[in-house]
């Protein structure tokens, strides 16, 4: 005996305005994110976690920083508290470029 899938009804509002096709996604590869992060650090010497997310669209800056370190760049991490856009305080990293011997790899 084979079960038939019932049609999904009443869920139209859940998918309204969303399109998960890869053709319309704005996706940045890790390589593109590393390059953007390194370019920012070379220009500004430092960036916070929230800046990387808000300014560069990098949702996991710690991972990209580690990859830049693995490529030979000397990046220090300093911890401090900073408020987000809602005013809530978060402990976050401040990444400081000490030397750029490697690339974005």
PDB file of N, CA and C in Angstrom:
ATOM      1  N   UNK A   1       0.848  -1.168   0.000  1.00  0.00           N
ATOM      2  CA  UNK A   1       0.000   0.000   0.000  1.00  0.00           C
ATOM      3  C   UNK A   1       0.905   1.247   0.000  1.00  0.00           C
ATOM      4  N   UNK A   2       0.607   2.193  -0.857  1.00  0.00           N
ATOM      5  CA  UNK A   2       1.424   3.377  -1.012  1.00  0.00           C
ATOM      6  C   UNK A   2       0.704   4.604  -0.466  1.00  0.00           C
ATOM      7  N   UNK A   3       1.432   5.375   0.334  1.00  0.00           N
ATOM      8  CA  UNK A   3       0.847   6.601   0.882  1.00  0.00           C
ATOM      9  C   UNK A   3       1.003   7.724  -0.122  1.00  0.00           C
ATOM     10  N   UNK A   4      -0.009   8.528  -0.218  1.00  0.00           N
ATOM     11  CA  UNK A   4       0.099   9.715  -1.056  1.00  0.00           C
ATOM     12  C   UNK A   4       0.286  10.919  -0.151  1.00  0.00           C
ATOM     13  N   UNK A   5       1.131  11.827  -0.600  1.00  0.00           N
ATOM     14  CA  UNK A   5       1.372  13.032   0.185  1.00  0.00           C
ATOM     15  C   UNK A   5       0.204  13.988   0.018  1.00  0.00           C
ATOM     16  N   UNK A   6      -0.268  14.454   1.135  1.00  0.00           N
ATOM     17  CA  UNK A   6      -1.366  15.423   1.109  1.00  0.00           C
ATOM     18  C   UNK A   6      -0.823  16.777   0.695  1.00  0.00           C
ATOM     19  N   UNK A   7      -1.596  17.534  -0.065  1.00  0.00           N
ATOM     20  CA  UNK A   7      -1.129  18.867  -0.442  1.00  0.00           C
ATOM     21  C   UNK A   7      -1.020  19.760   0.794  1.00  0.00           C
ATOM     22  N   UNK A   8      -0.022  20.603   0.801  1.00  0.00           N
ATOM     23  CA  UNK A   8       0.174  21.529   1.908  1.00  0.00           C
ATOM     24  C   UNK A   8      -0.708  22.740   1.658  1.00  0.00           C
ATOM     25  N   UNK A   9      -1.572  23.015   2.595  1.00  0.00           N
ATOM     26  CA  UNK A   9      -2.450  24.171   2.450  1.00  0.00           C
ATOM     27  C   UNK A   9      -2.300  25.075   3.664  1.00  0.00           C
ATOM     28  N   UNK A  10      -2.639  26.335   3.466  1.00  0.00           N
ATOM     29  CA  UNK A  10      -2.597  27.279   4.573  1.00  0.00           C
ATOM     30  C   UNK A  10      -1.198  27.749   4.925  1.00  0.00           C
ATOM     31  N   UNK A  11      -0.211  27.479   4.078  1.00  0.00           N
ATOM     32  CA  UNK A  11       1.164  27.861   4.377  1.00  0.00           C
ATOM     33  C   UNK A  11       1.707  28.891   3.388  1.00  0.00           C
ATOM     34  N   UNK A  12       0.822  29.454   2.579  1.00  0.00           N
ATOM     35  CA  UNK A  12       1.258  30.385   1.551  1.00  0.00           C
ATOM     36  C   UNK A  12       2.046  31.554   2.125  1.00  0.00           C
ATOM     37  N   UNK A  13       1.638  32.032   3.311  1.00  0.00           N
ATOM     38  CA  UNK A  13       2.298  33.185   3.917  1.00  0.00           C
ATOM     39  C   UNK A  13       3.723  32.860   4.362  1.00  0.00           C
ATOM     40  N   UNK A  14       4.019  31.597   4.615  1.00  0.00           N
ATOM     41  CA  UNK A  14       5.356  31.218   5.086  1.00  0.00           C
ATOM     42  C   UNK A  14       6.407  31.391   4.012  1.00  0.00           C
ATOM     43  N   UNK A  15       6.014  31.212   2.760  1.00  0.00           N
ATOM     44  CA  UNK A  15       7.005  31.287   1.697  1.00  0.00           C
ATOM     45  C   UNK A  15       6.865  32.547   0.857  1.00  0.00           C
ATOM     46  N   UNK A  16       5.961  33.409   1.228  1.00  0.00           N
ATOM     47  CA  UNK A  16       5.760  34.629   0.449  1.00  0.00           C
ATOM     48  C   UNK A  16       7.014  35.480   0.462  1.00  0.00           C
ATOM     49  N   UNK A  17       7.430  35.855  -0.721  1.00  0.00           N
ATOM     50  CA  UNK A  17       8.581  36.750  -0.824  1.00  0.00           C
ATOM     51  C   UNK A  17       9.922  36.068  -0.647  1.00  0.00           C
ATOM     52  N   UNK A  18       9.949  34.755  -0.554  1.00  0.00           N
ATOM     53  CA  UNK A  18      11.227  34.065  -0.419  1.00  0.00           C
ATOM     54  C   UNK A  18      11.512  33.295  -1.680  1.00  0.00           C
ATOM     55  N   UNK A  19      12.759  33.253  -2.052  1.00  0.00           N
ATOM     56  CA  UNK A  19      13.190  32.503  -3.216  1.00  0.00           C
ATOM     57  C   UNK A  19      14.526  31.887  -2.875  1.00  0.00           C
ATOM     58  N   UNK A  20      14.539  30.582  -2.716  1.00  0.00           N
ATOM     59  CA  UNK A  20      15.755  29.904  -2.309  1.00  0.00           C
ATOM     60  C   UNK A  20      16.571  29.372  -3.469  1.00  0.00           C
ATOM     61  N   UNK A  21      16.253  29.783  -4.683  1.00  0.00           N
ATOM     62  CA  UNK A  21      17.028  29.288  -5.812  1.00  0.00           C
ATOM     63  C   UNK A  21      18.426  29.884  -5.782  1.00  0.00           C
ATOM     64  N   UNK A  22      19.388  29.104  -6.210  1.00  0.00           N
ATOM     65  CA  UNK A  22      20.777  29.571  -6.182  1.00  0.00           C
ATOM     66  C   UNK A  22      21.015  30.692  -7.169  1.00  0.00           C
ATOM     67  N   UNK A  23      20.154  30.829  -8.160  1.00  0.00           N
ATOM     68  CA  UNK A  23      20.341  31.883  -9.158  1.00  0.00           C
ATOM     69  C   UNK A  23      20.125  33.269  -8.567  1.00  0.00           C
ATOM     70  N   UNK A  24      19.324  33.379  -7.506  1.00  0.00           N
ATOM     71  CA  UNK A  24      19.033  34.692  -6.948  1.00  0.00           C
ATOM     72  C   UNK A  24      19.753  34.963  -5.643  1.00  0.00           C
ATOM     73  N   UNK A  25      20.455  33.984  -5.079  1.00  0.00           N
ATOM     74  CA  UNK A  25      21.165  34.198  -3.820  1.00  0.00           C
ATOM     75  C   UNK A  25      22.405  35.035  -4.035  1.00  0.00           C
ATOM     76  N   UNK A  26      22.668  35.891  -3.074  1.00  0.00           N
ATOM     77  CA  UNK A  26      23.917  36.641  -3.083  1.00  0.00           C
ATOM     78  C   UNK A  26      24.860  35.904  -2.147  1.00  0.00           C
ATOM     79  N   UNK A  27      25.671  35.030  -2.706  1.00  0.00           N
ATOM     80  CA  UNK A  27      26.547  34.187  -1.904  1.00  0.00           C
ATOM     81  C   UNK A  27      27.991  34.596  -2.128  1.00  0.00           C
ATOM     82  N   UNK A  28      28.711  34.757  -1.042  1.00  0.00           N
ATOM     83  CA  UNK A  28      30.135  35.047  -1.115  1.00  0.00           C
ATOM     84  C   UNK A  28      30.897  33.814  -0.675  1.00  0.00           C
ATOM     85  N   UNK A  29      31.776  33.352  -1.511  1.00  0.00           N
ATOM     86  CA  UNK A  29      32.599  32.215  -1.127  1.00  0.00           C
ATOM     87  C   UNK A  29      33.550  32.644  -0.017  1.00  0.00           C
ATOM     88  N   UNK A  30      34.118  31.650   0.653  1.00  0.00           N
ATOM     89  CA  UNK A  30      35.083  31.967   1.708  1.00  0.00           C
ATOM     90  C   UNK A  30      36.270  32.724   1.138  1.00  0.00           C
ATOM     91  N   UNK A  31      36.690  32.381  -0.067  1.00  0.00           N
ATOM     92  CA  UNK A  31      37.826  33.076  -0.695  1.00  0.00           C
ATOM     93  C   UNK A  31      37.502  34.550  -0.920  1.00  0.00           C
ATOM     94  N   UNK A  32      36.293  34.833  -1.375  1.00  0.00           N
ATOM     95  CA  UNK A  32      35.872  36.227  -1.592  1.00  0.00           C
ATOM     96  C   UNK A  32      35.805  36.959  -0.259  1.00  0.00           C
ATOM     97  N   UNK A  33      35.294  36.299   0.773  1.00  0.00           N
ATOM     98  CA  UNK A  33      35.220  36.913   2.098  1.00  0.00           C
ATOM     99  C   UNK A  33      36.611  37.189   2.651  1.00  0.00           C
ATOM    100  N   UNK A  34      37.530  36.224   2.489  1.00  0.00           N
ATOM    101  CA  UNK A  34      38.913  36.432   2.968  1.00  0.00           C
ATOM    102  C   UNK A  34      39.555  37.618   2.268  1.00  0.00           C
ATOM    103  N   UNK A  35      39.375  37.704   0.967  1.00  0.00           N
ATOM    104  CA  UNK A  35      39.964  38.806   0.196  1.00  0.00           C
ATOM    105  C   UNK A  35      39.409  40.150   0.653  1.00  0.00           C
ATOM    106  N   UNK A  36      38.092  40.212   0.872  1.00  0.00           N
ATOM    107  CA  UNK A  36      37.471  41.462   1.324  1.00  0.00           C
ATOM    108  C   UNK A  36      37.956  41.836   2.715  1.00  0.00           C
ATOM    109  N   UNK A  37      38.083  40.843   3.589  1.00  0.00           N
ATOM    110  CA  UNK A  37      38.544  41.093   4.952  1.00  0.00           C
ATOM    111  C   UNK A  37      39.997  41.566   4.958  1.00  0.00           C
ATOM    112  N   UNK A  38      40.840  40.925   4.172  1.00  0.00           N
ATOM    113  CA  UNK A  38      42.246  41.331   4.111  1.00  0.00           C
ATOM    114  C   UNK A  38      42.386  42.739   3.534  1.00  0.00           C
ATOM    115  N   UNK A  39      41.604  43.037   2.503  1.00  0.00           N
ATOM    116  CA  UNK A  39      41.637  44.386   1.910  1.00  0.00           C
ATOM    117  C   UNK A  39      41.234  45.432   2.951  1.00  0.00           C
ATOM    118  N   UNK A  40      40.188  45.131   3.729  1.00  0.00           N
ATOM    119  CA  UNK A  40      39.742  46.056   4.778  1.00  0.00           C
ATOM    120  C   UNK A  40      40.849  46.254   5.817  1.00  0.00           C
ATOM    121  N   UNK A  41      41.435  45.145   6.261  1.00  0.00           N
ATOM    122  CA  UNK A  41      42.484  45.234   7.283  1.00  0.00           C
ATOM    123  C   UNK A  41      43.693  46.012   6.776  1.00  0.00           C
ATOM    124  N   UNK A  42      44.039  45.840   5.517  1.00  0.00           N
ATOM    125  CA  UNK A  42      45.167  46.586   4.957  1.00  0.00           C
ATOM    126  C   UNK A  42      44.869  48.081   4.897  1.00  0.00           C
ATOM    127  N   UNK A  43      43.614  48.424   4.650  1.00  0.00           N
ATOM    128  CA  UNK A  43      43.226  49.830   4.562  1.00  0.00           C
ATOM    129  C   UNK A  43      43.000  50.466   5.925  1.00  0.00           C
ATOM    130  N   UNK A  44      42.451  49.696   6.887  1.00  0.00           N
ATOM    131  CA  UNK A  44      42.024  50.262   8.171  1.00  0.00           C
ATOM    132  C   UNK A  44      42.775  49.709   9.386  1.00  0.00           C
ATOM    133  N   UNK A  45      43.577  48.675   9.185  1.00  0.00           N
ATOM    134  CA  UNK A  45      44.371  48.039  10.240  1.00  0.00           C
ATOM    135  C   UNK A  45      43.578  47.210  11.239  1.00  0.00           C
ATOM    136  N   UNK A  46      42.267  47.449  11.394  1.00  0.00           N
ATOM    137  CA  UNK A  46      41.496  46.702  12.386  1.00  0.00           C
ATOM    138  C   UNK A  46      40.038  46.630  11.986  1.00  0.00           C
ATOM    139  N   UNK A  47      39.355  45.633  12.552  1.00  0.00           N
ATOM    140  CA  UNK A  47      37.926  45.465  12.317  1.00  0.00           C
ATOM    141  C   UNK A  47      37.345  44.669  13.476  1.00  0.00           C
ATOM    142  N   UNK A  48      36.110  44.981  13.867  1.00  0.00           N
ATOM    143  CA  UNK A  48      35.435  44.218  14.918  1.00  0.00           C
ATOM    144  C   UNK A  48      34.557  43.149  14.267  1.00  0.00           C
ATOM    145  N   UNK A  49      34.107  42.223  15.091  1.00  0.00           N
ATOM    146  CA  UNK A  49      33.197  41.188  14.618  1.00  0.00           C
ATOM    147  C   UNK A  49      31.957  41.809  13.991  1.00  0.00           C
ATOM    148  N   UNK A  50      31.341  42.772  14.687  1.00  0.00           N
ATOM    149  CA  UNK A  50      30.125  43.395  14.167  1.00  0.00           C
ATOM    150  C   UNK A  50      30.385  44.184  12.893  1.00  0.00           C
ATOM    151  N   UNK A  51      31.528  44.838  12.792  1.00  0.00           N
ATOM    152  CA  UNK A  51      31.865  45.556  11.564  1.00  0.00           C
ATOM    153  C   UNK A  51      31.985  44.582  10.391  1.00  0.00           C
ATOM    154  N   UNK A  52      32.659  43.469  10.615  1.00  0.00           N
ATOM    155  CA  UNK A  52      32.828  42.483   9.545  1.00  0.00           C
ATOM    156  C   UNK A  52      31.474  41.978   9.067  1.00  0.00           C
ATOM    157  N   UNK A  53      30.555  41.771   9.997  1.00  0.00           N
ATOM    158  CA  UNK A  53      29.220  41.304   9.627  1.00  0.00           C
ATOM    159  C   UNK A  53      28.429  42.394   8.909  1.00  0.00           C
ATOM    160  N   UNK A  54      28.430  43.598   9.468  1.00  0.00           N
ATOM    161  CA  UNK A  54      27.608  44.683   8.932  1.00  0.00           C
ATOM    162  C   UNK A  54      28.198  45.323   7.681  1.00  0.00           C
ATOM    163  N   UNK A  55      29.504  45.529   7.656  1.00  0.00           N
ATOM    164  CA  UNK A  55      30.146  46.234   6.545  1.00  0.00           C
ATOM    165  C   UNK A  55      30.509  45.305   5.387  1.00  0.00           C
ATOM    166  N   UNK A  56      30.923  44.079   5.717  1.00  0.00           N
ATOM    167  CA  UNK A  56      31.417  43.169   4.686  1.00  0.00           C
ATOM    168  C   UNK A  56      30.513  41.969   4.427  1.00  0.00           C
ATOM    169  N   UNK A  57      29.500  41.781   5.275  1.00  0.00           N
ATOM    170  CA  UNK A  57      28.599  40.652   5.092  1.00  0.00           C
ATOM    171  C   UNK A  57      29.220  39.309   5.433  1.00  0.00           C
ATOM    172  N   UNK A  58      30.218  39.307   6.304  1.00  0.00           N
ATOM    173  CA  UNK A  58      30.890  38.078   6.716  1.00  0.00           C
ATOM    174  C   UNK A  58      30.272  37.635   8.031  1.00  0.00           C
ATOM    175  N   UNK A  59      29.517  36.549   8.000  1.00  0.00           N
ATOM    176  CA  UNK A  59      28.795  36.103   9.184  1.00  0.00           C
ATOM    177  C   UNK A  59      29.674  35.358  10.180  1.00  0.00           C
ATOM    178  N   UNK A  60      30.803  34.814   9.743  1.00  0.00           N
ATOM    179  CA  UNK A  60      31.707  34.099  10.649  1.00  0.00           C
ATOM    180  C   UNK A  60      33.125  34.660  10.487  1.00  0.00           C
ATOM    181  N   UNK A  61      33.328  35.898  10.970  1.00  0.00           N
ATOM    182  CA  UNK A  61      34.632  36.531  10.799  1.00  0.00           C
ATOM    183  C   UNK A  61      35.778  35.756  11.442  1.00  0.00           C
ATOM    184  N   UNK A  62      35.531  35.102  12.570  1.00  0.00           N
ATOM    185  CA  UNK A  62      36.607  34.363  13.243  1.00  0.00           C
ATOM    186  C   UNK A  62      37.177  33.281  12.334  1.00  0.00           C
ATOM    187  N   UNK A  63      36.330  32.630  11.594  1.00  0.00           N
ATOM    188  CA  UNK A  63      36.790  31.599  10.668  1.00  0.00           C
ATOM    189  C   UNK A  63      37.643  32.172   9.557  1.00  0.00           C
ATOM    190  N   UNK A  64      37.214  33.316   9.003  1.00  0.00           N
ATOM    191  CA  UNK A  64      37.987  33.935   7.928  1.00  0.00           C
ATOM    192  C   UNK A  64      39.321  34.466   8.455  1.00  0.00           C
ATOM    193  N   UNK A  65      39.333  35.003   9.683  1.00  0.00           N
ATOM    194  CA  UNK A  65      40.577  35.479  10.286  1.00  0.00           C
ATOM    195  C   UNK A  65      41.540  34.314  10.481  1.00  0.00           C
ATOM    196  N   UNK A  66      41.027  33.191  10.952  1.00  0.00           N
ATOM    197  CA  UNK A  66      41.889  32.015  11.137  1.00  0.00           C
ATOM    198  C   UNK A  66      42.480  31.557   9.801  1.00  0.00           C
ATOM    199  N   UNK A  67      41.682  31.592   8.757  1.00  0.00           N
ATOM    200  CA  UNK A  67      42.183  31.216   7.427  1.00  0.00           C
ATOM    201  C   UNK A  67      43.260  32.197   6.954  1.00  0.00           C
ATOM    202  N   UNK A  68      43.075  33.485   7.245  1.00  0.00           N
ATOM    203  CA  UNK A  68      44.103  34.474   6.893  1.00  0.00           C
ATOM    204  C   UNK A  68      45.378  34.233   7.691  1.00  0.00           C
ATOM    205  N   UNK A  69      45.236  33.865   8.956  1.00  0.00           N
ATOM    206  CA  UNK A  69      46.412  33.529   9.774  1.00  0.00           C
ATOM    207  C   UNK A  69      47.133  32.313   9.206  1.00  0.00           C
ATOM    208  N   UNK A  70      46.355  31.311   8.822  1.00  0.00           N
ATOM    209  CA  UNK A  70      46.933  30.094   8.247  1.00  0.00           C
ATOM    210  C   UNK A  70      47.697  30.389   6.960  1.00  0.00           C
ATOM    211  N   UNK A  71      47.307  31.464   6.264  1.00  0.00           N
ATOM    212  CA  UNK A  71      47.971  31.870   5.024  1.00  0.00           C
ATOM    213  C   UNK A  71      49.215  32.713   5.296  1.00  0.00           C
ATOM    214  N   UNK A  72      49.522  32.985   6.574  1.00  0.00           N
ATOM    215  CA  UNK A  72      50.739  33.703   6.915  1.00  0.00           C
ATOM    216  C   UNK A  72      50.578  35.128   7.387  1.00  0.00           C
ATOM    217  N   UNK A  73      49.352  35.593   7.538  1.00  0.00           N
ATOM    218  CA  UNK A  73      49.124  36.950   8.018  1.00  0.00           C
ATOM    219  C   UNK A  73      49.126  36.964   9.545  1.00  0.00           C
ATOM    220  N   UNK A  74      49.730  37.999  10.112  1.00  0.00           N
ATOM    221  CA  UNK A  74      49.802  38.127  11.571  1.00  0.00           C
ATOM    222  C   UNK A  74      48.667  39.045  12.031  1.00  0.00           C
ATOM    223  N   UNK A  75      47.646  38.432  12.630  1.00  0.00           N
ATOM    224  CA  UNK A  75      46.458  39.175  13.069  1.00  0.00           C
ATOM    225  C   UNK A  75      46.240  38.897  14.546  1.00  0.00           C
ATOM    226  N   UNK A  76      46.208  39.970  15.345  1.00  0.00           N
ATOM    227  CA  UNK A  76      45.981  39.850  16.792  1.00  0.00           C
ATOM    228  C   UNK A  76      44.492  39.984  17.081  1.00  0.00           C
ATOM    229  N   UNK A  77      44.071  39.371  18.173  1.00  0.00           N
ATOM    230  CA  UNK A  77      42.685  39.481  18.626  1.00  0.00           C
ATOM    231  C   UNK A  77      42.659  40.126  19.999  1.00  0.00           C
ATOM    232  N   UNK A  78      41.882  41.187  20.127  1.00  0.00           N
ATOM    233  CA  UNK A  78      41.664  41.858  21.404  1.00  0.00           C
ATOM    234  C   UNK A  78      40.169  41.764  21.695  1.00  0.00           C
ATOM    235  N   UNK A  79      39.805  41.469  22.942  1.00  0.00           N
ATOM    236  CA  UNK A  79      38.404  41.333  23.317  1.00  0.00           C
ATOM    237  C   UNK A  79      37.915  42.596  24.004  1.00  0.00           C
ATOM    238  N   UNK A  80      36.707  43.018  23.648  1.00  0.00           N
ATOM    239  CA  UNK A  80      36.103  44.182  24.296  1.00  0.00           C
ATOM    240  C   UNK A  80      34.587  44.101  24.168  1.00  0.00           C
ATOM    241  N   UNK A  81      33.908  44.969  24.900  1.00  0.00           N
ATOM    242  CA  UNK A  81      32.449  45.021  24.882  1.00  0.00           C
ATOM    243  C   UNK A  81      32.012  46.163  23.979  1.00  0.00           C
ATOM    244  N   UNK A  82      30.978  45.897  23.170  1.00  0.00           N
ATOM    245  CA  UNK A  82      30.452  46.928  22.275  1.00  0.00           C
ATOM    246  C   UNK A  82      28.963  46.688  22.076  1.00  0.00           C
ATOM    247  N   UNK A  83      28.218  47.771  21.947  1.00  0.00           N
ATOM    248  CA  UNK A  83      26.769  47.671  21.742  1.00  0.00           C
ATOM    249  C   UNK A  83      26.465  47.429  20.270  1.00  0.00           C
ATOM    250  N   UNK A  84      25.445  46.598  20.021  1.00  0.00           N
ATOM    251  CA  UNK A  84      24.987  46.388  18.653  1.00  0.00           C
ATOM    252  C   UNK A  84      23.979  47.474  18.292  1.00  0.00           C
ATOM    253  N   UNK A  85      23.318  47.329  17.151  1.00  0.00           N
ATOM    254  CA  UNK A  85      22.365  48.345  16.679  1.00  0.00           C
ATOM    255  C   UNK A  85      21.179  48.523  17.623  1.00  0.00           C
ATOM    256  N   UNK A  86      20.870  47.503  18.430  1.00  0.00           N
ATOM    257  CA  UNK A  86      19.751  47.594  19.371  1.00  0.00           C
ATOM    258  C   UNK A  86      20.176  48.153  20.717  1.00  0.00           C
ATOM    259  N   UNK A  87      21.476  48.358  20.907  1.00  0.00           N
ATOM    260  CA  UNK A  87      21.977  48.867  22.170  1.00  0.00           C
ATOM    261  C   UNK A  87      22.428  47.786  23.133  1.00  0.00           C
ATOM    262  N   UNK A  88      22.241  46.524  22.761  1.00  0.00           N
ATOM    263  CA  UNK A  88      22.652  45.419  23.622  1.00  0.00           C
ATOM    264  C   UNK A  88      24.166  45.237  23.540  1.00  0.00           C
ATOM    265  N   UNK A  89      24.796  45.096  24.712  1.00  0.00           N
ATOM    266  CA  UNK A  89      26.250  44.932  24.784  1.00  0.00           C
ATOM    267  C   UNK A  89      26.653  43.489  24.478  1.00  0.00           C
ATOM    268  N   UNK A  90      27.707  43.346  23.690  1.00  0.00           N
ATOM    269  CA  UNK A  90      28.249  42.039  23.333  1.00  0.00           C
ATOM    270  C   UNK A  90      29.759  42.059  23.497  1.00  0.00           C
ATOM    271  N   UNK A  91      30.315  40.971  24.006  1.00  0.00           N
ATOM    272  CA  UNK A  91      31.759  40.808  24.017  1.00  0.00           C
ATOM    273  C   UNK A  91      32.135  40.361  22.612  1.00  0.00           C
ATOM    274  N   UNK A  92      33.013  41.117  22.005  1.00  0.00           N
ATOM    275  CA  UNK A  92      33.377  40.790  20.635  1.00  0.00           C
ATOM    276  C   UNK A  92      34.857  40.998  20.393  1.00  0.00           C
ATOM    277  N   UNK A  93      35.300  40.428  19.301  1.00  0.00           N
ATOM    278  CA  UNK A  93      36.713  40.506  18.942  1.00  0.00           C
ATOM    279  C   UNK A  93      36.994  41.781  18.161  1.00  0.00           C
ATOM    280  N   UNK A  94      38.169  42.320  18.393  1.00  0.00           N
ATOM    281  CA  UNK A  94      38.733  43.377  17.567  1.00  0.00           C
ATOM    282  C   UNK A  94      39.964  42.760  16.935  1.00  0.00           C
ATOM    283  N   UNK A  95      39.942  42.578  15.617  1.00  0.00           N
ATOM    284  CA  UNK A  95      41.057  41.967  14.906  1.00  0.00           C
ATOM    285  C   UNK A  95      41.961  43.076  14.384  1.00  0.00           C
ATOM    286  N   UNK A  96      43.261  42.949  14.671  1.00  0.00           N
ATOM    287  CA  UNK A  96      44.233  43.965  14.294  1.00  0.00           C
ATOM    288  C   UNK A  96      45.292  43.317  13.407  1.00  0.00           C
ATOM    289  N   UNK A  97      45.500  43.876  12.215  1.00  0.00           N
ATOM    290  CA  UNK A  97      46.511  43.368  11.315  1.00  0.00           C
ATOM    291  C   UNK A  97      47.883  43.891  11.757  1.00  0.00           C
ATOM    292  N   UNK A  98      48.768  42.970  12.138  1.00  0.00           N
ATOM    293  CA  UNK A  98      50.112  43.345  12.563  1.00  0.00           C
ATOM    294  C   UNK A  98      51.077  43.300  11.393  1.00  0.00           C
ATOM    295  N   UNK A  99      50.963  42.291  10.553  1.00  0.00           N
ATOM    296  CA  UNK A  99      51.772  42.217   9.327  1.00  0.00           C
ATOM    297  C   UNK A  99      51.055  41.356   8.313  1.00  0.00           C
ATOM    298  N   UNK A 100      51.280  41.688   7.057  1.00  0.00           N
ATOM    299  CA  UNK A 100      50.614  40.993   5.972  1.00  0.00           C
ATOM    300  C   UNK A 100      51.673  40.298   5.119  1.00  0.00           C
ATOM    301  N   UNK A 101      52.108  39.132   5.569  1.00  0.00           N
ATOM    302  CA  UNK A 101      53.134  38.378   4.854  1.00  0.00           C
ATOM    303  C   UNK A 101      52.517  37.403   3.883  1.00  0.00           C
ATOM    304  N   UNK A 102      51.287  37.022   4.154  1.00  0.00           N
ATOM    305  CA  UNK A 102      50.598  36.085   3.285  1.00  0.00           C
ATOM    306  C   UNK A 102      49.562  36.819   2.467  1.00  0.00           C
ATOM    307  N   UNK A 103      48.747  36.066   1.794  1.00  0.00           N
ATOM    308  CA  UNK A 103      47.662  36.652   1.025  1.00  0.00           C
ATOM    309  C   UNK A 103      46.339  36.221   1.596  1.00  0.00           C
ATOM    310  N   UNK A 104      45.326  36.295   0.774  1.00  0.00           N
ATOM    311  CA  UNK A 104      43.995  35.861   1.200  1.00  0.00           C
ATOM    312  C   UNK A 104      43.812  34.374   0.985  1.00  0.00           C
ATOM    313  N   UNK A 105      44.747  33.754   0.292  1.00  0.00           N
ATOM    314  CA  UNK A 105      44.756  32.311  -0.023  1.00  0.00           C
ATOM    315  C   UNK A 105      43.387  31.805  -0.271  1.00  0.00           C
TER     316      UNK A 105
END
